N, C-alpha and C. Protein backbone atom coordinates (compact mmCIF):
# COMPACT_ATOMS: atom_id res chain seq x y z
N MET A 1 24.13 37.14 -5.52
CA MET A 1 24.27 37.30 -7.03
C MET A 1 23.56 36.58 -7.76
N LYS A 2 23.40 37.14 -8.81
CA LYS A 2 22.68 35.86 -9.47
C LYS A 2 23.09 35.60 -10.58
N LEU A 3 23.15 34.52 -11.49
CA LEU A 3 23.48 34.14 -12.52
C LEU A 3 23.83 35.21 -13.84
N GLN A 4 25.25 35.12 -14.22
CA GLN A 4 25.97 36.31 -14.76
C GLN A 4 27.13 35.91 -15.40
N PRO A 5 26.91 35.37 -16.69
CA PRO A 5 28.37 35.17 -17.43
C PRO A 5 29.39 35.95 -17.12
N ALA A 6 30.65 35.97 -17.68
CA ALA A 6 31.56 36.84 -17.61
C ALA A 6 30.84 38.01 -18.94
N LEU A 7 31.47 39.09 -18.96
CA LEU A 7 31.09 40.13 -19.58
C LEU A 7 31.40 39.94 -20.97
N ILE A 8 32.77 39.07 -20.94
CA ILE A 8 32.85 38.71 -22.58
C ILE A 8 32.21 37.84 -23.39
N PHE A 9 31.13 37.34 -22.70
CA PHE A 9 30.45 36.42 -23.27
C PHE A 9 28.81 36.89 -23.68
N GLY A 10 28.86 36.97 -24.82
CA GLY A 10 27.27 37.30 -25.32
C GLY A 10 26.97 36.87 -26.60
N GLU A 11 25.82 37.86 -27.25
CA GLU A 11 25.14 37.79 -28.56
C GLU A 11 26.81 37.74 -29.64
N GLY A 12 26.85 37.22 -31.06
CA GLY A 12 27.69 37.65 -31.89
C GLY A 12 29.27 36.96 -31.40
N MET A 13 29.41 36.90 -30.30
CA MET A 13 30.76 36.20 -29.72
C MET A 13 31.52 35.19 -30.33
N VAL A 14 32.70 35.18 -30.48
CA VAL A 14 33.26 34.64 -31.81
C VAL A 14 34.41 32.86 -30.54
N LEU A 15 33.86 32.10 -30.42
CA LEU A 15 35.04 31.20 -30.02
C LEU A 15 35.70 30.72 -31.07
N GLN A 16 37.42 30.23 -29.97
CA GLN A 16 38.82 29.65 -31.02
C GLN A 16 38.35 28.43 -31.21
N ARG A 17 38.40 27.98 -32.66
CA ARG A 17 37.59 26.24 -32.77
C ARG A 17 39.04 25.48 -32.16
N ASP A 18 38.96 24.40 -32.11
CA ASP A 18 39.89 23.70 -31.65
C ASP A 18 40.69 23.37 -30.64
N LYS A 19 40.01 24.61 -29.94
CA LYS A 19 40.69 24.56 -28.42
C LYS A 19 40.27 24.61 -27.33
N GLU A 20 40.14 23.94 -26.37
CA GLU A 20 39.19 23.94 -25.02
C GLU A 20 38.12 25.48 -24.68
N ILE A 21 36.88 25.34 -24.07
CA ILE A 21 36.15 26.36 -24.20
C ILE A 21 36.06 26.17 -22.81
N LYS A 22 36.61 27.68 -22.35
CA LYS A 22 36.38 28.21 -20.94
C LYS A 22 34.95 29.18 -20.77
N ILE A 23 34.33 28.96 -20.11
CA ILE A 23 32.94 29.78 -19.54
C ILE A 23 33.08 29.90 -18.24
N TRP A 24 33.01 31.11 -17.88
CA TRP A 24 32.64 31.71 -15.96
C TRP A 24 31.94 32.91 -16.05
N GLY A 25 31.66 32.90 -14.69
CA GLY A 25 30.91 33.71 -14.48
C GLY A 25 30.39 33.56 -12.98
N THR A 26 29.33 34.79 -12.65
CA THR A 26 29.01 34.44 -11.31
C THR A 26 27.66 34.08 -11.10
N ALA A 27 27.38 33.14 -9.72
CA ALA A 27 25.66 32.97 -9.65
C ALA A 27 25.65 33.14 -8.16
N ILE A 28 24.61 32.31 -7.55
CA ILE A 28 24.69 32.38 -6.22
C ILE A 28 25.22 31.26 -5.65
N ASN A 29 26.02 31.57 -4.67
CA ASN A 29 26.43 30.70 -3.82
C ASN A 29 26.32 29.47 -3.72
N ASN A 30 26.61 28.06 -3.89
CA ASN A 30 25.98 27.02 -3.84
C ASN A 30 24.98 26.53 -4.97
N ASP A 31 24.63 27.77 -5.93
CA ASP A 31 23.71 26.98 -6.88
C ASP A 31 24.60 26.36 -7.90
N THR A 32 23.94 24.95 -8.32
CA THR A 32 24.31 23.80 -9.70
C THR A 32 24.44 24.88 -10.71
N VAL A 33 25.49 25.45 -11.94
CA VAL A 33 25.41 25.65 -13.25
C VAL A 33 25.52 24.98 -14.14
N THR A 34 25.05 25.27 -15.48
CA THR A 34 24.80 24.08 -16.09
C THR A 34 25.27 24.68 -17.73
N VAL A 35 25.98 24.35 -17.97
CA VAL A 35 26.48 25.13 -19.31
C VAL A 35 26.18 24.13 -20.56
N LYS A 36 25.42 24.57 -21.69
CA LYS A 36 25.21 23.45 -22.65
C LYS A 36 25.48 24.40 -24.27
N LEU A 37 26.61 23.83 -25.07
CA LEU A 37 27.32 24.48 -25.92
C LEU A 37 26.74 23.24 -27.14
N ASN A 38 25.97 23.72 -28.58
CA ASN A 38 26.37 22.02 -29.35
C ASN A 38 25.96 21.15 -28.35
N ASP A 39 26.16 19.78 -28.28
CA ASP A 39 26.10 18.61 -27.96
C ASP A 39 26.54 18.50 -26.74
N GLN A 40 27.10 19.38 -26.09
CA GLN A 40 28.26 19.21 -25.43
C GLN A 40 27.33 19.81 -24.06
N CYS A 41 27.71 19.00 -22.60
CA CYS A 41 26.47 19.32 -21.51
C CYS A 41 27.51 19.37 -20.26
N ALA A 42 27.70 20.50 -19.20
CA ALA A 42 28.38 20.81 -18.13
C ALA A 42 28.33 20.86 -17.27
N SER A 43 28.35 21.24 -15.57
CA SER A 43 27.45 21.42 -14.66
C SER A 43 28.81 21.30 -13.43
N THR A 44 29.09 22.30 -12.80
CA THR A 44 29.52 22.67 -11.82
C THR A 44 28.63 23.66 -10.43
N ILE A 45 28.87 23.71 -9.15
CA ILE A 45 28.69 24.25 -8.22
C ILE A 45 29.51 25.53 -7.95
N ALA A 46 28.92 26.80 -8.10
CA ALA A 46 29.58 28.41 -7.95
C ALA A 46 29.76 27.91 -6.14
N GLU A 47 31.06 28.21 -6.45
CA GLU A 47 31.54 28.27 -4.99
C GLU A 47 32.36 29.84 -4.87
N LYS A 48 31.65 30.50 -3.52
CA LYS A 48 31.64 31.58 -3.12
C LYS A 48 31.45 32.92 -4.23
N GLY A 49 30.07 32.39 -5.15
CA GLY A 49 29.54 32.92 -6.10
C GLY A 49 29.94 33.22 -7.40
N TYR A 50 31.10 32.00 -7.82
CA TYR A 50 32.09 32.06 -8.96
C TYR A 50 31.75 30.82 -9.69
N TRP A 51 32.00 30.62 -10.56
CA TRP A 51 32.00 29.64 -11.54
C TRP A 51 32.48 29.38 -12.87
N SER A 52 33.42 28.30 -13.39
CA SER A 52 33.76 27.61 -14.16
C SER A 52 33.80 26.42 -14.72
N ILE A 53 33.47 26.40 -16.03
CA ILE A 53 33.41 25.17 -16.56
C ILE A 53 34.33 25.29 -17.92
N THR A 54 35.12 24.27 -18.00
CA THR A 54 35.79 24.04 -19.23
C THR A 54 35.31 23.14 -19.94
N LEU A 55 34.69 23.31 -21.84
CA LEU A 55 34.03 22.31 -22.68
C LEU A 55 35.30 21.60 -23.20
N ASP A 56 35.15 20.45 -24.21
CA ASP A 56 36.40 20.30 -24.91
C ASP A 56 36.04 21.48 -26.42
N PRO A 57 37.09 21.04 -27.47
CA PRO A 57 37.30 21.64 -28.54
C PRO A 57 36.08 21.48 -29.61
N GLU A 58 35.57 22.46 -29.98
CA GLU A 58 34.79 22.50 -31.23
C GLU A 58 35.19 23.09 -32.67
N LYS A 59 34.37 22.13 -33.64
CA LYS A 59 35.11 22.58 -35.29
C LYS A 59 34.44 24.06 -35.33
N ALA A 60 34.97 24.41 -36.42
CA ALA A 60 34.29 25.38 -36.95
C ALA A 60 33.29 25.27 -37.22
N CYS A 61 32.23 26.77 -37.41
CA CYS A 61 30.67 26.56 -37.66
C CYS A 61 29.93 27.93 -37.47
N ASN A 62 28.83 28.24 -38.21
CA ASN A 62 28.58 29.50 -38.26
C ASN A 62 27.66 29.68 -37.30
N LYS A 63 26.66 28.86 -37.13
CA LYS A 63 26.10 29.13 -35.78
C LYS A 63 25.64 27.85 -34.78
N THR A 64 25.65 28.55 -33.51
CA THR A 64 25.74 27.65 -32.71
C THR A 64 24.90 28.57 -31.59
N SER A 65 24.35 27.54 -30.31
CA SER A 65 23.82 28.00 -29.39
C SER A 65 24.26 27.56 -27.73
N LEU A 66 24.76 28.65 -26.90
CA LEU A 66 25.32 28.54 -25.91
C LEU A 66 24.06 29.20 -24.82
N GLU A 67 23.83 28.20 -23.97
CA GLU A 67 22.86 28.10 -23.10
C GLU A 67 23.43 27.79 -21.41
N ILE A 68 23.14 28.71 -20.51
CA ILE A 68 23.78 28.72 -19.35
C ILE A 68 22.65 28.86 -18.03
N SER A 69 22.24 28.15 -17.23
CA SER A 69 21.65 28.12 -16.21
C SER A 69 21.70 27.81 -15.27
N SER A 70 21.13 28.31 -14.15
CA SER A 70 21.38 27.37 -12.72
C SER A 70 19.87 27.06 -11.94
N GLN A 71 20.35 26.59 -10.57
CA GLN A 71 19.12 25.91 -9.53
C GLN A 71 19.68 25.86 -8.59
């Protein structure tokens, strides 16, 4: 499996403010997946091809950047 966020995540998506943010998807087994959102950065290891990361709540904003990478 290649790195792929769940289909719910994409350009123009809306995240709920002031709530934990859960990001998940698929990747090559044992790859390290890193998620960056604004000033937050978290990593996890894909197990059986799946990964999930929970980020801290964010305040409301108009523009943000979500980056997901693996190695």
